Amino acid sequence: MAGVRRAARAVLKYLVPLYVLLVIVQIFLAGEGIFGGREDPIEDADILEPHRGLGFFLGTLGAILLLIVALLAWHPIKKVRWWSIALPFILFIQTLLPEGGRWIGGLHPLNAFFILAILGYLASRLWRRPAEPVAPV
């Protein structure tokens, strides 16, 4: 099982920064869709389809993959383990927020930045080298 954990941690180490990049692209696609489609009502605009499509992948299929990898990795640092397991659920909730009406939907962009902060924290922790033990003097 140690080999599976080591491999899953390596996958997680690269998957989280990829998610950082994809969430930044997702935020760009949202802005491009909103500010690029001024002539149509946003709900009916096809210009938001790239944002919706990538969001579907990140919040459902990608979240399931992320959850499986996080569970297999079972990171030794409890805080990293907790956030890596909670993140896929937060990603799934993100896909539900736009359907909740005006006030619930307003949480969608705020949650996107919360997700980006979690991903940034996880990326920094996963790429940090373990502290070397200090030799007694």
N, C-alpha and C. Protein backbone atom coordinates (compact mmCIF):
# COMPACT_ATOMS: atom_id res chain seq x y z
N MET A 1 0.81 -1.20 0.00
CA MET A 1 0.00 0.00 0.00
C MET A 1 0.86 1.27 0.00
N ALA A 2 2.07 1.16 0.51
CA ALA A 2 2.96 2.32 0.55
C ALA A 2 3.28 2.81 -0.86
N GLY A 3 3.43 1.88 -1.80
CA GLY A 3 3.71 2.26 -3.18
C GLY A 3 2.53 2.99 -3.82
N VAL A 4 1.31 2.56 -3.51
CA VAL A 4 0.11 3.22 -4.03
C VAL A 4 0.02 4.63 -3.46
N ARG A 5 0.27 4.77 -2.17
CA ARG A 5 0.23 6.10 -1.55
C ARG A 5 1.28 7.03 -2.15
N ARG A 6 2.47 6.51 -2.35
CA ARG A 6 3.55 7.32 -2.92
C ARG A 6 3.19 7.77 -4.33
N ALA A 7 2.64 6.86 -5.14
CA ALA A 7 2.23 7.21 -6.50
C ALA A 7 1.09 8.21 -6.50
N ALA A 8 0.11 8.00 -5.62
CA ALA A 8 -1.03 8.93 -5.54
C ALA A 8 -0.57 10.31 -5.08
N ARG A 9 0.37 10.37 -4.18
CA ARG A 9 0.89 11.68 -3.73
C ARG A 9 1.62 12.38 -4.86
N ALA A 10 2.32 11.62 -5.69
CA ALA A 10 2.99 12.22 -6.85
C ALA A 10 1.96 12.75 -7.85
N VAL A 11 0.90 12.00 -8.08
CA VAL A 11 -0.16 12.46 -8.98
C VAL A 11 -0.82 13.71 -8.41
N LEU A 12 -1.11 13.70 -7.12
CA LEU A 12 -1.74 14.84 -6.46
C LEU A 12 -0.85 16.08 -6.54
N LYS A 13 0.44 15.87 -6.44
CA LYS A 13 1.41 16.96 -6.48
C LYS A 13 1.34 17.71 -7.82
N TYR A 14 1.02 17.00 -8.90
CA TYR A 14 0.93 17.63 -10.21
C TYR A 14 -0.52 18.00 -10.57
N LEU A 15 -1.47 17.27 -10.04
CA LEU A 15 -2.87 17.53 -10.35
C LEU A 15 -3.36 18.84 -9.73
N VAL A 16 -2.93 19.14 -8.52
CA VAL A 16 -3.37 20.37 -7.85
C VAL A 16 -2.89 21.62 -8.59
N PRO A 17 -1.62 21.74 -8.97
CA PRO A 17 -1.23 22.92 -9.75
C PRO A 17 -1.93 23.01 -11.11
N LEU A 18 -2.22 21.86 -11.71
CA LEU A 18 -2.99 21.88 -12.95
C LEU A 18 -4.37 22.46 -12.70
N TYR A 19 -4.98 22.10 -11.59
CA TYR A 19 -6.27 22.66 -11.21
C TYR A 19 -6.17 24.17 -10.98
N VAL A 20 -5.08 24.65 -10.39
CA VAL A 20 -4.88 26.09 -10.21
C VAL A 20 -4.96 26.78 -11.57
N LEU A 21 -4.22 26.25 -12.52
CA LEU A 21 -4.22 26.82 -13.87
C LEU A 21 -5.60 26.76 -14.50
N LEU A 22 -6.29 25.64 -14.36
CA LEU A 22 -7.62 25.49 -14.96
C LEU A 22 -8.66 26.40 -14.30
N VAL A 23 -8.55 26.64 -13.01
CA VAL A 23 -9.48 27.56 -12.34
C VAL A 23 -9.22 28.99 -12.81
N ILE A 24 -7.98 29.35 -13.02
CA ILE A 24 -7.66 30.68 -13.56
C ILE A 24 -8.24 30.82 -14.96
N VAL A 25 -8.10 29.78 -15.79
CA VAL A 25 -8.71 29.79 -17.12
C VAL A 25 -10.23 29.90 -17.00
N GLN A 26 -10.80 29.20 -16.04
CA GLN A 26 -12.26 29.23 -15.82
C GLN A 26 -12.73 30.64 -15.46
N ILE A 27 -11.98 31.33 -14.61
CA ILE A 27 -12.33 32.70 -14.24
C ILE A 27 -12.23 33.61 -15.46
N PHE A 28 -11.19 33.42 -16.27
CA PHE A 28 -11.07 34.20 -17.51
C PHE A 28 -12.25 33.95 -18.44
N LEU A 29 -12.63 32.67 -18.61
CA LEU A 29 -13.75 32.34 -19.50
C LEU A 29 -15.06 32.96 -19.01
N ALA A 30 -15.24 33.03 -17.70
CA ALA A 30 -16.44 33.67 -17.15
C ALA A 30 -16.44 35.16 -17.49
N GLY A 31 -15.32 35.82 -17.26
CA GLY A 31 -15.23 37.24 -17.57
C GLY A 31 -15.39 37.52 -19.05
N GLU A 32 -14.77 36.69 -19.86
CA GLU A 32 -14.88 36.85 -21.31
C GLU A 32 -16.33 36.65 -21.77
N GLY A 33 -17.01 35.69 -21.17
CA GLY A 33 -18.40 35.44 -21.53
C GLY A 33 -19.32 36.56 -21.10
N ILE A 34 -19.09 37.07 -19.91
CA ILE A 34 -19.96 38.14 -19.39
C ILE A 34 -19.73 39.45 -20.13
N PHE A 35 -18.47 39.83 -20.29
CA PHE A 35 -18.18 41.12 -20.91
C PHE A 35 -18.15 41.05 -22.42
N GLY A 36 -18.05 39.86 -22.99
CA GLY A 36 -18.04 39.72 -24.44
C GLY A 36 -19.41 39.58 -25.04
N GLY A 37 -20.42 39.24 -24.25
CA GLY A 37 -21.77 39.01 -24.77
C GLY A 37 -22.76 40.02 -24.28
N ARG A 38 -22.49 41.28 -24.44
CA ARG A 38 -23.35 42.33 -23.90
C ARG A 38 -24.70 42.44 -24.62
N GLU A 39 -24.83 41.93 -25.84
CA GLU A 39 -26.09 42.10 -26.56
C GLU A 39 -27.15 41.07 -26.18
N ASP A 40 -26.77 39.92 -25.63
CA ASP A 40 -27.73 38.87 -25.26
C ASP A 40 -27.85 38.79 -23.74
N PRO A 41 -29.03 38.36 -23.25
CA PRO A 41 -29.12 38.07 -21.81
C PRO A 41 -28.14 36.94 -21.49
N ILE A 42 -27.45 37.05 -20.39
CA ILE A 42 -26.38 36.10 -20.07
C ILE A 42 -26.91 34.68 -19.92
N GLU A 43 -28.11 34.49 -19.37
CA GLU A 43 -28.64 33.14 -19.18
C GLU A 43 -28.79 32.41 -20.51
N ASP A 44 -29.13 33.16 -21.57
CA ASP A 44 -29.39 32.55 -22.87
C ASP A 44 -28.16 32.57 -23.78
N ALA A 45 -27.10 33.21 -23.36
CA ALA A 45 -25.95 33.39 -24.24
C ALA A 45 -25.14 32.10 -24.37
N ASP A 46 -24.85 31.76 -25.60
CA ASP A 46 -23.99 30.60 -25.86
C ASP A 46 -22.52 30.95 -25.59
N ILE A 47 -22.24 32.21 -25.40
CA ILE A 47 -20.86 32.64 -25.19
C ILE A 47 -20.30 32.10 -23.87
N LEU A 48 -21.17 31.73 -22.93
CA LEU A 48 -20.72 31.16 -21.66
C LEU A 48 -20.52 29.65 -21.72
N GLU A 49 -20.76 29.03 -22.86
CA GLU A 49 -20.62 27.58 -22.98
C GLU A 49 -19.21 27.08 -22.67
N PRO A 50 -18.14 27.75 -23.09
CA PRO A 50 -16.80 27.27 -22.70
C PRO A 50 -16.62 27.25 -21.17
N HIS A 51 -17.15 28.28 -20.50
CA HIS A 51 -17.08 28.34 -19.04
C HIS A 51 -17.89 27.20 -18.43
N ARG A 52 -19.08 26.97 -18.94
CA ARG A 52 -19.94 25.90 -18.42
C ARG A 52 -19.32 24.53 -18.67
N GLY A 53 -18.76 24.33 -19.85
CA GLY A 53 -18.17 23.04 -20.20
C GLY A 53 -16.97 22.69 -19.34
N LEU A 54 -16.05 23.65 -19.19
CA LEU A 54 -14.89 23.41 -18.34
C LEU A 54 -15.32 23.26 -16.89
N GLY A 55 -16.31 24.04 -16.48
CA GLY A 55 -16.83 23.93 -15.11
C GLY A 55 -17.44 22.57 -14.83
N PHE A 56 -18.15 22.01 -15.82
CA PHE A 56 -18.70 20.66 -15.66
C PHE A 56 -17.58 19.66 -15.44
N PHE A 57 -16.53 19.76 -16.24
CA PHE A 57 -15.41 18.83 -16.09
C PHE A 57 -14.74 19.00 -14.72
N LEU A 58 -14.44 20.24 -14.34
CA LEU A 58 -13.74 20.48 -13.08
C LEU A 58 -14.58 20.10 -11.87
N GLY A 59 -15.89 20.36 -11.93
CA GLY A 59 -16.74 20.16 -10.77
C GLY A 59 -17.34 18.77 -10.63
N THR A 60 -17.27 17.97 -11.68
CA THR A 60 -17.84 16.62 -11.59
C THR A 60 -16.79 15.57 -11.88
N LEU A 61 -16.43 15.41 -13.13
CA LEU A 61 -15.48 14.36 -13.50
C LEU A 61 -14.11 14.57 -12.84
N GLY A 62 -13.61 15.79 -12.94
CA GLY A 62 -12.32 16.09 -12.33
C GLY A 62 -12.35 15.99 -10.81
N ALA A 63 -13.48 16.38 -10.22
CA ALA A 63 -13.62 16.31 -8.76
C ALA A 63 -13.61 14.86 -8.29
N ILE A 64 -14.25 13.97 -9.05
CA ILE A 64 -14.24 12.55 -8.68
C ILE A 64 -12.82 12.01 -8.75
N LEU A 65 -12.10 12.36 -9.82
CA LEU A 65 -10.70 11.95 -9.95
C LEU A 65 -9.86 12.49 -8.80
N LEU A 66 -10.06 13.75 -8.48
CA LEU A 66 -9.32 14.38 -7.39
C LEU A 66 -9.62 13.71 -6.05
N LEU A 67 -10.87 13.36 -5.81
CA LEU A 67 -11.24 12.68 -4.57
C LEU A 67 -10.59 11.31 -4.47
N ILE A 68 -10.61 10.55 -5.56
CA ILE A 68 -9.99 9.22 -5.56
C ILE A 68 -8.50 9.33 -5.28
N VAL A 69 -7.83 10.25 -5.95
CA VAL A 69 -6.39 10.43 -5.74
C VAL A 69 -6.10 10.89 -4.32
N ALA A 70 -6.91 11.81 -3.79
CA ALA A 70 -6.69 12.30 -2.42
C ALA A 70 -6.88 11.19 -1.39
N LEU A 71 -7.88 10.35 -1.60
CA LEU A 71 -8.10 9.24 -0.67
C LEU A 71 -6.97 8.21 -0.75
N LEU A 72 -6.51 7.93 -1.96
CA LEU A 72 -5.40 6.99 -2.10
C LEU A 72 -4.11 7.57 -1.53
N ALA A 73 -3.91 8.87 -1.69
CA ALA A 73 -2.68 9.51 -1.18
C ALA A 73 -2.66 9.54 0.34
N TRP A 74 -3.80 9.79 0.96
CA TRP A 74 -3.94 9.88 2.41
C TRP A 74 -2.71 10.57 3.02
N HIS A 75 -2.61 11.85 2.70
CA HIS A 75 -1.42 12.63 3.06
C HIS A 75 -1.15 12.57 4.56
N PRO A 76 0.13 12.46 4.96
CA PRO A 76 0.44 12.34 6.39
C PRO A 76 0.16 13.61 7.20
N ILE A 77 0.17 14.76 6.54
CA ILE A 77 -0.15 16.01 7.24
C ILE A 77 -1.67 16.14 7.26
N LYS A 78 -2.24 16.15 8.45
CA LYS A 78 -3.69 16.09 8.61
C LYS A 78 -4.41 17.24 7.91
N LYS A 79 -3.89 18.45 7.99
CA LYS A 79 -4.53 19.60 7.37
C LYS A 79 -4.54 19.47 5.84
N VAL A 80 -3.45 18.99 5.27
CA VAL A 80 -3.38 18.78 3.82
C VAL A 80 -4.35 17.67 3.41
N ARG A 81 -4.38 16.61 4.20
CA ARG A 81 -5.30 15.49 3.92
C ARG A 81 -6.75 15.98 3.94
N TRP A 82 -7.10 16.75 4.97
CA TRP A 82 -8.48 17.22 5.12
C TRP A 82 -8.87 18.10 3.94
N TRP A 83 -8.04 19.07 3.58
CA TRP A 83 -8.38 19.97 2.48
C TRP A 83 -8.40 19.26 1.15
N SER A 84 -7.50 18.30 0.95
CA SER A 84 -7.49 17.58 -0.33
C SER A 84 -8.72 16.70 -0.48
N ILE A 85 -9.29 16.23 0.62
CA ILE A 85 -10.52 15.43 0.56
C ILE A 85 -11.75 16.33 0.50
N ALA A 86 -11.73 17.47 1.17
CA ALA A 86 -12.87 18.39 1.15
C ALA A 86 -13.01 19.12 -0.18
N LEU A 87 -11.88 19.37 -0.83
CA LEU A 87 -11.89 20.15 -2.07
C LEU A 87 -12.83 19.60 -3.15
N PRO A 88 -12.83 18.30 -3.44
CA PRO A 88 -13.76 17.81 -4.47
C PRO A 88 -15.24 18.08 -4.14
N PHE A 89 -15.60 18.03 -2.87
CA PHE A 89 -16.98 18.32 -2.48
C PHE A 89 -17.29 19.81 -2.69
N ILE A 90 -16.33 20.67 -2.39
CA ILE A 90 -16.51 22.10 -2.61
C ILE A 90 -16.61 22.39 -4.11
N LEU A 91 -15.83 21.66 -4.91
CA LEU A 91 -15.92 21.81 -6.37
C LEU A 91 -17.30 21.40 -6.88
N PHE A 92 -17.84 20.32 -6.33
CA PHE A 92 -19.17 19.88 -6.76
C PHE A 92 -20.23 20.90 -6.36
N ILE A 93 -20.13 21.44 -5.16
CA ILE A 93 -21.07 22.48 -4.72
C ILE A 93 -21.00 23.69 -5.65
N GLN A 94 -19.80 23.98 -6.14
CA GLN A 94 -19.61 25.10 -7.05
C GLN A 94 -20.47 24.94 -8.31
N THR A 95 -20.63 23.71 -8.78
CA THR A 95 -21.45 23.49 -9.98
C THR A 95 -22.94 23.70 -9.70
N LEU A 96 -23.35 23.59 -8.45
CA LEU A 96 -24.77 23.75 -8.10
C LEU A 96 -25.15 25.21 -7.84
N LEU A 97 -24.21 26.04 -7.46
CA LEU A 97 -24.51 27.42 -7.07
C LEU A 97 -25.19 28.25 -8.16
N PRO A 98 -24.80 28.18 -9.43
CA PRO A 98 -25.47 29.03 -10.43
C PRO A 98 -26.95 28.71 -10.62
N GLU A 99 -27.36 27.52 -10.25
CA GLU A 99 -28.76 27.13 -10.42
C GLU A 99 -29.63 27.59 -9.25
N GLY A 100 -29.04 28.19 -8.23
CA GLY A 100 -29.76 28.54 -7.02
C GLY A 100 -30.43 29.88 -7.02
N GLY A 101 -30.51 30.53 -8.15
CA GLY A 101 -31.13 31.84 -8.19
C GLY A 101 -30.11 32.95 -8.00
N ARG A 102 -30.63 34.15 -7.92
CA ARG A 102 -29.77 35.33 -7.89
C ARG A 102 -28.84 35.39 -6.68
N TRP A 103 -29.38 35.18 -5.49
CA TRP A 103 -28.57 35.36 -4.28
C TRP A 103 -27.63 34.18 -4.04
N ILE A 104 -28.08 32.98 -4.28
CA ILE A 104 -27.21 31.81 -4.15
C ILE A 104 -26.18 31.81 -5.28
N GLY A 105 -26.63 32.16 -6.48
CA GLY A 105 -25.72 32.25 -7.62
C GLY A 105 -24.63 33.28 -7.41
N GLY A 106 -24.92 34.31 -6.62
CA GLY A 106 -23.92 35.32 -6.32
C GLY A 106 -22.74 34.76 -5.53
N LEU A 107 -22.95 33.63 -4.88
CA LEU A 107 -21.85 32.98 -4.15
C LEU A 107 -20.89 32.24 -5.09
N HIS A 108 -21.33 32.00 -6.33
CA HIS A 108 -20.53 31.24 -7.29
C HIS A 108 -19.15 31.86 -7.53
N PRO A 109 -19.05 33.16 -7.84
CA PRO A 109 -17.71 33.73 -8.04
C PRO A 109 -16.90 33.81 -6.74
N LEU A 110 -17.57 34.04 -5.62
CA LEU A 110 -16.84 34.07 -4.35
C LEU A 110 -16.26 32.70 -4.02
N ASN A 111 -17.04 31.67 -4.26
CA ASN A 111 -16.58 30.31 -4.01
C ASN A 111 -15.42 29.95 -4.94
N ALA A 112 -15.42 30.51 -6.15
CA ALA A 112 -14.32 30.25 -7.09
C ALA A 112 -13.00 30.75 -6.50
N PHE A 113 -13.01 31.91 -5.88
CA PHE A 113 -11.79 32.43 -5.28
C PHE A 113 -11.41 31.64 -4.02
N PHE A 114 -12.40 31.15 -3.30
CA PHE A 114 -12.15 30.28 -2.15
C PHE A 114 -11.48 28.99 -2.63
N ILE A 115 -11.97 28.42 -3.72
CA ILE A 115 -11.38 27.22 -4.30
C ILE A 115 -9.95 27.50 -4.74
N LEU A 116 -9.73 28.64 -5.35
CA LEU A 116 -8.38 29.01 -5.79
C LEU A 116 -7.44 29.14 -4.59
N ALA A 117 -7.93 29.67 -3.48
CA ALA A 117 -7.11 29.78 -2.27
C ALA A 117 -6.77 28.41 -1.71
N ILE A 118 -7.73 27.50 -1.68
CA ILE A 118 -7.47 26.14 -1.20
C ILE A 118 -6.43 25.46 -2.09
N LEU A 119 -6.61 25.60 -3.40
CA LEU A 119 -5.67 25.00 -4.34
C LEU A 119 -4.26 25.58 -4.17
N GLY A 120 -4.18 26.88 -3.96
CA GLY A 120 -2.88 27.52 -3.74
C GLY A 120 -2.21 26.99 -2.49
N TYR A 121 -2.99 26.85 -1.42
CA TYR A 121 -2.45 26.31 -0.18
C TYR A 121 -1.95 24.87 -0.39
N LEU A 122 -2.80 24.05 -1.03
CA LEU A 122 -2.41 22.66 -1.25
C LEU A 122 -1.17 22.56 -2.14
N ALA A 123 -1.13 23.36 -3.20
CA ALA A 123 0.04 23.33 -4.09
C ALA A 123 1.31 23.70 -3.34
N SER A 124 1.22 24.73 -2.50
CA SER A 124 2.43 25.13 -1.76
C SER A 124 2.86 24.06 -0.77
N ARG A 125 1.90 23.40 -0.13
CA ARG A 125 2.24 22.34 0.84
C ARG A 125 2.76 21.08 0.15
N LEU A 126 2.17 20.74 -0.99
CA LEU A 126 2.57 19.52 -1.68
C LEU A 126 3.95 19.65 -2.33
N TRP A 127 4.34 20.86 -2.69
CA TRP A 127 5.65 21.06 -3.31
C TRP A 127 6.74 21.44 -2.31
N ARG A 128 6.37 21.66 -1.06
CA ARG A 128 7.34 22.01 -0.03
C ARG A 128 8.18 20.80 0.32
N ARG A 129 9.46 21.01 0.43
CA ARG A 129 10.34 19.91 0.83
C ARG A 129 10.17 19.66 2.32
N PRO A 130 10.23 18.39 2.73
CA PRO A 130 10.15 18.12 4.17
C PRO A 130 11.36 18.73 4.88
N ALA A 131 11.12 19.20 6.07
CA ALA A 131 12.20 19.80 6.85
C ALA A 131 13.23 18.73 7.21
N GLU A 132 14.49 19.12 7.05
CA GLU A 132 15.57 18.19 7.40
C GLU A 132 15.78 18.23 8.91
N PRO A 133 16.00 17.07 9.50
CA PRO A 133 16.23 17.07 10.94
C PRO A 133 17.52 17.82 11.28
N VAL A 134 17.46 18.54 12.37
CA VAL A 134 18.62 19.31 12.83
C VAL A 134 19.48 18.39 13.69
N ALA A 135 20.76 18.35 13.33
CA ALA A 135 21.68 17.51 14.09
C ALA A 135 21.99 18.18 15.43
N PRO A 136 22.01 17.39 16.50
CA PRO A 136 22.35 17.98 17.81
C PRO A 136 23.80 18.47 17.80
N VAL A 137 24.02 19.57 18.49
CA VAL A 137 25.35 20.17 18.54
C VAL A 137 26.12 19.68 19.73
